[in-house]
Amino acid sequence: MTDEELMSAFQGGDDAAFEQLYGRYRRSIYQYVFRRLVNASRAEELTQEVFMGLIRSRGSWRQEASFKTYLYRIAFNQCASEARRADFRVVDSLEREDGSTVDVEDGALGPDGQASLHQEAAFVVEALDKIDPEQREAIVLREYQGLSYEEIAEITGVAVGTVKSRIFRGKLDLRRHLEPLLGMESGDDHGGRVIPMRSPGR
């Protein structure tokens, strides 16, 4: 069944349909929330709140709309509310509040590769924190969550052209902040990639 078919069934009272949607999107929503908040422990809690929000607002979903963008819109709003909290605190992205460290997703990496990935991820977190929040949001949704420009526009409530502009300008700013951290020469595109921000596998 498609996401939309499952959501329609859930609206009709099929709890098993919700369980399937949860299984499909739990990991990606967790990774998105983590990359927004950079706090592993809070990301776990907020991911559950996103799906609780889906349960509460299931009646407002329109069957002709994309389920994925609807769910990400809930996550987007939850993260925005969290960031406005007076007691919101960003912690080390590679360490949970209980002191345990984040798992490396690529098990094929050797010790040297893991150390390099750990360091690069920390640099990206630091650089992302320095760029405009709207640009950071667009980059995370596009580069790390794999959403289309159109999906990002629907989630964030802006025009597609605005999304593209935010990503373009955000990448320029991100590159400017990353160059001194990574020892990059001006004009070096570091392989033409946006370095992935490591997140716990969930």
C-alpha atoms as a PDB file:
ATOM      1  CA  MET A   1       0.000   0.000   0.000  1.00  0.00           C
ATOM      2  CA  THR A   2       1.147   3.561  -0.640  1.00  0.00           C
ATOM      3  CA  ASP A   3       1.694   6.029   2.194  1.00  0.00           C
ATOM      4  CA  GLU A   4      -1.486   7.807   1.188  1.00  0.00           C
ATOM      5  CA  GLU A   5      -3.511   4.597   1.199  1.00  0.00           C
ATOM      6  CA  LEU A   6      -2.197   3.717   4.636  1.00  0.00           C
ATOM      7  CA  MET A   7      -2.967   7.190   5.968  1.00  0.00           C
ATOM      8  CA  SER A   8      -6.474   6.993   4.564  1.00  0.00           C
ATOM      9  CA  ALA A   9      -6.934   3.637   6.273  1.00  0.00           C
ATOM     10  CA  PHE A  10      -5.603   5.099   9.519  1.00  0.00           C
ATOM     11  CA  GLN A  11      -8.118   7.919   9.266  1.00  0.00           C
ATOM     12  CA  GLY A  12     -10.755   5.226   8.990  1.00  0.00           C
ATOM     13  CA  GLY A  13      -9.646   3.655  12.259  1.00  0.00           C
ATOM     14  CA  ASP A  14      -7.061   1.100  11.084  1.00  0.00           C
ATOM     15  CA  ASP A  15      -4.351   1.226  13.770  1.00  0.00           C
ATOM     16  CA  ALA A  16      -2.263  -1.350  11.902  1.00  0.00           C
ATOM     17  CA  ALA A  17      -1.929   1.184   9.063  1.00  0.00           C
ATOM     18  CA  PHE A  18      -0.413   3.669  11.513  1.00  0.00           C
ATOM     19  CA  GLU A  19       2.099   1.052  12.652  1.00  0.00           C
ATOM     20  CA  GLN A  20       3.210   0.571   9.054  1.00  0.00           C
ATOM     21  CA  LEU A  21       3.641   4.310   8.542  1.00  0.00           C
ATOM     22  CA  TYR A  22       5.575   4.541  11.789  1.00  0.00           C
ATOM     23  CA  GLY A  23       7.873   1.748  10.668  1.00  0.00           C
ATOM     24  CA  ARG A  24       8.478   3.431   7.325  1.00  0.00           C
ATOM     25  CA  TYR A  25       9.263   6.890   8.651  1.00  0.00           C
ATOM     26  CA  ARG A  26      10.513   6.550  12.232  1.00  0.00           C
ATOM     27  CA  ARG A  27      14.173   6.438  11.244  1.00  0.00           C
ATOM     28  CA  SER A  28      14.083   9.279   8.720  1.00  0.00           C
ATOM     29  CA  ILE A  29      12.081  11.542  11.044  1.00  0.00           C
ATOM     30  CA  TYR A  30      14.472  10.810  13.885  1.00  0.00           C
ATOM     31  CA  GLN A  31      17.459  11.676  11.693  1.00  0.00           C
ATOM     32  CA  TYR A  32      15.789  14.894  10.566  1.00  0.00           C
ATOM     33  CA  VAL A  33      14.972  15.947  14.131  1.00  0.00           C
ATOM     34  CA  PHE A  34      18.473  15.055  15.278  1.00  0.00           C
ATOM     35  CA  ARG A  35      20.054  17.141  12.547  1.00  0.00           C
ATOM     36  CA  ARG A  36      17.856  20.082  13.495  1.00  0.00           C
ATOM     37  CA  LEU A  37      18.378  19.919  17.255  1.00  0.00           C
ATOM     38  CA  VAL A  38      21.787  18.226  17.420  1.00  0.00           C
ATOM     39  CA  ASN A  39      20.694  16.559  20.645  1.00  0.00           C
ATOM     40  CA  ALA A  40      20.326  12.780  20.500  1.00  0.00           C
ATOM     41  CA  SER A  41      18.308  12.325  23.679  1.00  0.00           C
ATOM     42  CA  ARG A  42      15.819  15.095  22.893  1.00  0.00           C
ATOM     43  CA  ALA A  43      15.560  13.927  19.280  1.00  0.00           C
ATOM     44  CA  GLU A  44      14.297  10.552  20.460  1.00  0.00           C
ATOM     45  CA  GLU A  45      11.609  12.226  22.561  1.00  0.00           C
ATOM     46  CA  LEU A  46      10.604  14.688  19.860  1.00  0.00           C
ATOM     47  CA  THR A  47      10.323  11.955  17.248  1.00  0.00           C
ATOM     48  CA  GLN A  48       7.658  10.326  19.393  1.00  0.00           C
ATOM     49  CA  GLU A  49       5.940  13.705  19.738  1.00  0.00           C
ATOM     50  CA  VAL A  50       5.891  14.050  15.941  1.00  0.00           C
ATOM     51  CA  PHE A  51       4.007  10.783  15.582  1.00  0.00           C
ATOM     52  CA  MET A  52       1.708  11.700  18.452  1.00  0.00           C
ATOM     53  CA  GLY A  53       1.047  14.903  16.516  1.00  0.00           C
ATOM     54  CA  LEU A  54       0.211  12.800  13.459  1.00  0.00           C
ATOM     55  CA  ILE A  55      -2.332  10.869  15.524  1.00  0.00           C
ATOM     56  CA  ARG A  56      -3.915  14.050  16.874  1.00  0.00           C
ATOM     57  CA  SER A  57      -4.096  15.778  13.491  1.00  0.00           C
ATOM     58  CA  ARG A  58      -4.957  12.811  11.279  1.00  0.00           C
ATOM     59  CA  GLY A  59      -8.360  14.294  10.522  1.00  0.00           C
ATOM     60  CA  SER A  60      -6.819  17.334   8.830  1.00  0.00           C
ATOM     61  CA  TRP A  61      -4.870  15.360   6.227  1.00  0.00           C
ATOM     62  CA  ARG A  62      -6.395  15.588   2.756  1.00  0.00           C
ATOM     63  CA  GLN A  63      -6.306  12.416   0.699  1.00  0.00           C
ATOM     64  CA  GLU A  64      -4.968  14.224  -2.372  1.00  0.00           C
ATOM     65  CA  ALA A  65      -1.983  15.558  -0.415  1.00  0.00           C
ATOM     66  CA  SER A  66       1.413  13.885  -0.019  1.00  0.00           C
ATOM     67  CA  PHE A  67       1.685  12.033   3.283  1.00  0.00           C
ATOM     68  CA  LYS A  68       5.446  12.509   3.437  1.00  0.00           C
ATOM     69  CA  THR A  69       5.301  16.287   3.213  1.00  0.00           C
ATOM     70  CA  TYR A  70       2.426  16.310   5.723  1.00  0.00           C
ATOM     71  CA  LEU A  71       4.514  14.332   8.230  1.00  0.00           C
ATOM     72  CA  TYR A  72       7.625  16.435   7.661  1.00  0.00           C
ATOM     73  CA  ARG A  73       5.536  19.560   8.148  1.00  0.00           C
ATOM     74  CA  ILE A  74       4.566  18.275  11.599  1.00  0.00           C
ATOM     75  CA  ALA A  75       8.230  17.568  12.350  1.00  0.00           C
ATOM     76  CA  PHE A  76       9.233  20.988  11.018  1.00  0.00           C
ATOM     77  CA  ASN A  77       6.765  22.721  13.334  1.00  0.00           C
ATOM     78  CA  GLN A  78       7.801  20.615  16.315  1.00  0.00           C
ATOM     79  CA  CYS A  79      11.463  21.473  15.769  1.00  0.00           C
ATOM     80  CA  ALA A  80      10.664  25.160  15.348  1.00  0.00           C
ATOM     81  CA  SER A  81       8.761  25.148  18.648  1.00  0.00           C
ATOM     82  CA  GLU A  82      11.582  23.306  20.378  1.00  0.00           C
ATOM     83  CA  ALA A  83      14.179  25.781  19.131  1.00  0.00           C
ATOM     84  CA  ARG A  84      12.171  28.631  20.633  1.00  0.00           C
ATOM     85  CA  ARG A  85      12.114  27.062  24.079  1.00  0.00           C
ATOM     86  CA  ALA A  86      13.989  29.123  26.634  1.00  0.00           C
ATOM     87  CA  ASP A  87      15.761  26.059  27.994  1.00  0.00           C
ATOM     88  CA  PHE A  88      16.742  24.685  24.572  1.00  0.00           C
ATOM     89  CA  ARG A  89      20.386  23.652  24.583  1.00  0.00           C
ATOM     90  CA  VAL A  90      22.502  22.211  21.808  1.00  0.00           C
ATOM     91  CA  VAL A  91      24.853  19.460  22.941  1.00  0.00           C
ATOM     92  CA  ASP A  92      27.664  17.591  21.259  1.00  0.00           C
ATOM     93  CA  SER A  93      26.096  15.915  18.226  1.00  0.00           C
ATOM     94  CA  LEU A  94      28.274  12.851  18.664  1.00  0.00           C
ATOM     95  CA  GLU A  95      27.506  12.200  22.319  1.00  0.00           C
ATOM     96  CA  ARG A  96      24.246  11.528  24.092  1.00  0.00           C
ATOM     97  CA  GLU A  97      23.452  13.238  27.353  1.00  0.00           C
ATOM     98  CA  ASP A  98      24.098   9.986  29.250  1.00  0.00           C
ATOM     99  CA  GLY A  99      27.652   9.986  27.922  1.00  0.00           C
ATOM    100  CA  SER A 100      27.214   7.195  25.370  1.00  0.00           C
ATOM    101  CA  THR A 101      28.490   7.887  21.894  1.00  0.00           C
ATOM    102  CA  VAL A 102      26.639   7.819  18.601  1.00  0.00           C
ATOM    103  CA  ASP A 103      27.005   4.751  16.420  1.00  0.00           C
ATOM    104  CA  VAL A 104      28.718   4.989  13.033  1.00  0.00           C
ATOM    105  CA  GLU A 105      26.278   4.037  10.294  1.00  0.00           C
ATOM    106  CA  ASP A 106      28.923   2.750   7.907  1.00  0.00           C
ATOM    107  CA  GLY A 107      30.270  -0.399   9.552  1.00  0.00           C
ATOM    108  CA  ALA A 108      32.791  -0.843   6.741  1.00  0.00           C
ATOM    109  CA  LEU A 109      34.851   2.082   7.959  1.00  0.00           C
ATOM    110  CA  GLY A 110      38.090   1.238   9.718  1.00  0.00           C
ATOM    111  CA  PRO A 111      39.293   3.038  12.846  1.00  0.00           C
ATOM    112  CA  ASP A 112      40.973   5.796  10.830  1.00  0.00           C
ATOM    113  CA  GLY A 113      37.885   6.285   8.688  1.00  0.00           C
ATOM    114  CA  GLN A 114      35.640   6.416  11.726  1.00  0.00           C
ATOM    115  CA  ALA A 115      37.845   9.016  13.388  1.00  0.00           C
ATOM    116  CA  SER A 116      37.838  11.105  10.221  1.00  0.00           C
ATOM    117  CA  LEU A 117      34.061  10.852   9.905  1.00  0.00           C
ATOM    118  CA  HIS A 118      33.659  11.809  13.564  1.00  0.00           C
ATOM    119  CA  GLN A 119      35.816  14.895  13.101  1.00  0.00           C
ATOM    120  CA  GLU A 120      34.191  15.940   9.824  1.00  0.00           C
ATOM    121  CA  ALA A 121      30.725  15.589  11.332  1.00  0.00           C
ATOM    122  CA  ALA A 122      31.701  17.770  14.274  1.00  0.00           C
ATOM    123  CA  PHE A 123      33.002  20.409  11.868  1.00  0.00           C
ATOM    124  CA  VAL A 124      29.780  20.336   9.837  1.00  0.00           C
ATOM    125  CA  VAL A 125      27.691  20.722  12.986  1.00  0.00           C
ATOM    126  CA  GLU A 126      29.788  23.724  13.970  1.00  0.00           C
ATOM    127  CA  ALA A 127      29.539  25.274  10.496  1.00  0.00           C
ATOM    128  CA  LEU A 128      25.797  24.637  10.135  1.00  0.00           C
ATOM    129  CA  ASP A 129      25.201  26.370  13.451  1.00  0.00           C
ATOM    130  CA  LYS A 130      26.764  29.530  12.009  1.00  0.00           C
ATOM    131  CA  ILE A 131      24.630  29.911   8.905  1.00  0.00           C
ATOM    132  CA  ASP A 132      21.164  31.413   8.592  1.00  0.00           C
ATOM    133  CA  PRO A 133      18.515  29.103  10.191  1.00  0.00           C
ATOM    134  CA  GLU A 134      16.300  29.144   7.096  1.00  0.00           C
ATOM    135  CA  GLN A 135      19.248  28.207   4.905  1.00  0.00           C
ATOM    136  CA  ARG A 136      20.263  25.477   7.352  1.00  0.00           C
ATOM    137  CA  GLU A 137      16.730  24.082   7.296  1.00  0.00           C
ATOM    138  CA  ALA A 138      16.662  23.914   3.505  1.00  0.00           C
ATOM    139  CA  ILE A 139      20.085  22.259   3.316  1.00  0.00           C
ATOM    140  CA  VAL A 140      19.201  19.618   5.898  1.00  0.00           C
ATOM    141  CA  LEU A 141      15.951  18.742   4.121  1.00  0.00           C
ATOM    142  CA  ARG A 142      17.593  18.632   0.692  1.00  0.00           C
ATOM    143  CA  GLU A 143      21.062  17.197   1.303  1.00  0.00           C
ATOM    144  CA  TYR A 144      20.481  14.941   4.295  1.00  0.00           C
ATOM    145  CA  GLN A 145      16.811  13.976   4.019  1.00  0.00           C
ATOM    146  CA  GLY A 146      16.719  13.780   0.228  1.00  0.00           C
ATOM    147  CA  LEU A 147      13.541  15.798  -0.251  1.00  0.00           C
ATOM    148  CA  SER A 148      12.741  17.540  -3.507  1.00  0.00           C
ATOM    149  CA  TYR A 149      12.610  21.312  -3.874  1.00  0.00           C
ATOM    150  CA  GLU A 150       8.851  21.080  -4.227  1.00  0.00           C
ATOM    151  CA  GLU A 151       8.501  19.025  -1.049  1.00  0.00           C
ATOM    152  CA  ILE A 152      10.691  21.443   0.894  1.00  0.00           C
ATOM    153  CA  ALA A 153       8.641  24.364  -0.384  1.00  0.00           C
ATOM    154  CA  GLU A 154       5.436  22.724   0.837  1.00  0.00           C
ATOM    155  CA  ILE A 155       6.933  21.845   4.226  1.00  0.00           C
ATOM    156  CA  THR A 156       8.417  25.271   4.900  1.00  0.00           C
ATOM    157  CA  GLY A 157       5.624  27.282   3.276  1.00  0.00           C
ATOM    158  CA  VAL A 158       7.745  29.212   0.778  1.00  0.00           C
ATOM    159  CA  ALA A 159       8.116  29.261  -3.010  1.00  0.00           C
ATOM    160  CA  VAL A 160      10.334  26.736  -4.803  1.00  0.00           C
ATOM    161  CA  GLY A 161      12.557  29.571  -6.005  1.00  0.00           C
ATOM    162  CA  THR A 162      13.066  30.680  -2.419  1.00  0.00           C
ATOM    163  CA  VAL A 163      14.063  27.143  -1.438  1.00  0.00           C
ATOM    164  CA  LYS A 164      16.637  26.997  -4.222  1.00  0.00           C
ATOM    165  CA  SER A 165      18.003  30.399  -3.259  1.00  0.00           C
ATOM    166  CA  ARG A 166      18.317  29.411   0.401  1.00  0.00           C
ATOM    167  CA  ILE A 167      20.169  26.224  -0.501  1.00  0.00           C
ATOM    168  CA  PHE A 168      22.513  28.021  -2.877  1.00  0.00           C
ATOM    169  CA  ARG A 169      23.327  30.808  -0.433  1.00  0.00           C
ATOM    170  CA  GLY A 170      23.482  28.380   2.474  1.00  0.00           C
ATOM    171  CA  LYS A 171      26.024  26.190   0.709  1.00  0.00           C
ATOM    172  CA  LEU A 172      28.191  29.210   0.018  1.00  0.00           C
ATOM    173  CA  ASP A 173      28.082  30.214   3.675  1.00  0.00           C
ATOM    174  CA  LEU A 174      28.604  26.629   4.828  1.00  0.00           C
ATOM    175  CA  ARG A 175      31.627  26.303   2.586  1.00  0.00           C
ATOM    176  CA  ARG A 176      33.028  29.582   3.888  1.00  0.00           C
ATOM    177  CA  HIS A 177      32.802  28.334   7.472  1.00  0.00           C
ATOM    178  CA  LEU A 178      34.092  24.855   6.638  1.00  0.00           C
ATOM    179  CA  GLU A 179      37.189  25.923   4.718  1.00  0.00           C
ATOM    180  CA  PRO A 180      39.251  26.933   7.757  1.00  0.00           C
ATOM    181  CA  LEU A 181      37.996  23.961   9.789  1.00  0.00           C
ATOM    182  CA  LEU A 182      38.902  21.380   7.142  1.00  0.00           C
ATOM    183  CA  GLY A 183      42.027  23.094   5.883  1.00  0.00           C
ATOM    184  CA  MET A 184      40.418  23.586   2.493  1.00  0.00           C
ATOM    185  CA  GLU A 185      41.908  25.979   0.011  1.00  0.00           C
ATOM    186  CA  SER A 186      39.600  28.588  -1.475  1.00  0.00           C
ATOM    187  CA  GLY A 187      38.069  27.015  -4.557  1.00  0.00           C
ATOM    188  CA  ASP A 188      38.486  23.446  -3.269  1.00  0.00           C
ATOM    189  CA  ASP A 189      35.023  21.854  -3.385  1.00  0.00           C
ATOM    190  CA  HIS A 190      36.089  18.963  -1.098  1.00  0.00           C
ATOM    191  CA  GLY A 191      35.005  16.416  -3.631  1.00  0.00           C
ATOM    192  CA  GLY A 192      31.898  18.324  -4.634  1.00  0.00           C
ATOM    193  CA  ARG A 193      29.918  17.052  -1.683  1.00  0.00           C
ATOM    194  CA  VAL A 194      28.239  18.334   1.426  1.00  0.00           C
ATOM    195  CA  ILE A 195      29.875  16.355   4.223  1.00  0.00           C
ATOM    196  CA  PRO A 196      27.231  14.207   5.922  1.00  0.00           C
ATOM    197  CA  MET A 197      26.354  15.093   9.479  1.00  0.00           C
ATOM    198  CA  ARG A 198      26.599  11.875  11.419  1.00  0.00           C
ATOM    199  CA  SER A 199      23.508  10.866  13.348  1.00  0.00           C
ATOM    200  CA  PRO A 200      22.527   7.906  15.510  1.00  0.00           C
ATOM    201  CA  GLY A 201      20.943   5.030  13.620  1.00  0.00           C
ATOM    202  CA  ARG A 202      17.326   4.648  14.689  1.00  0.00           C
END
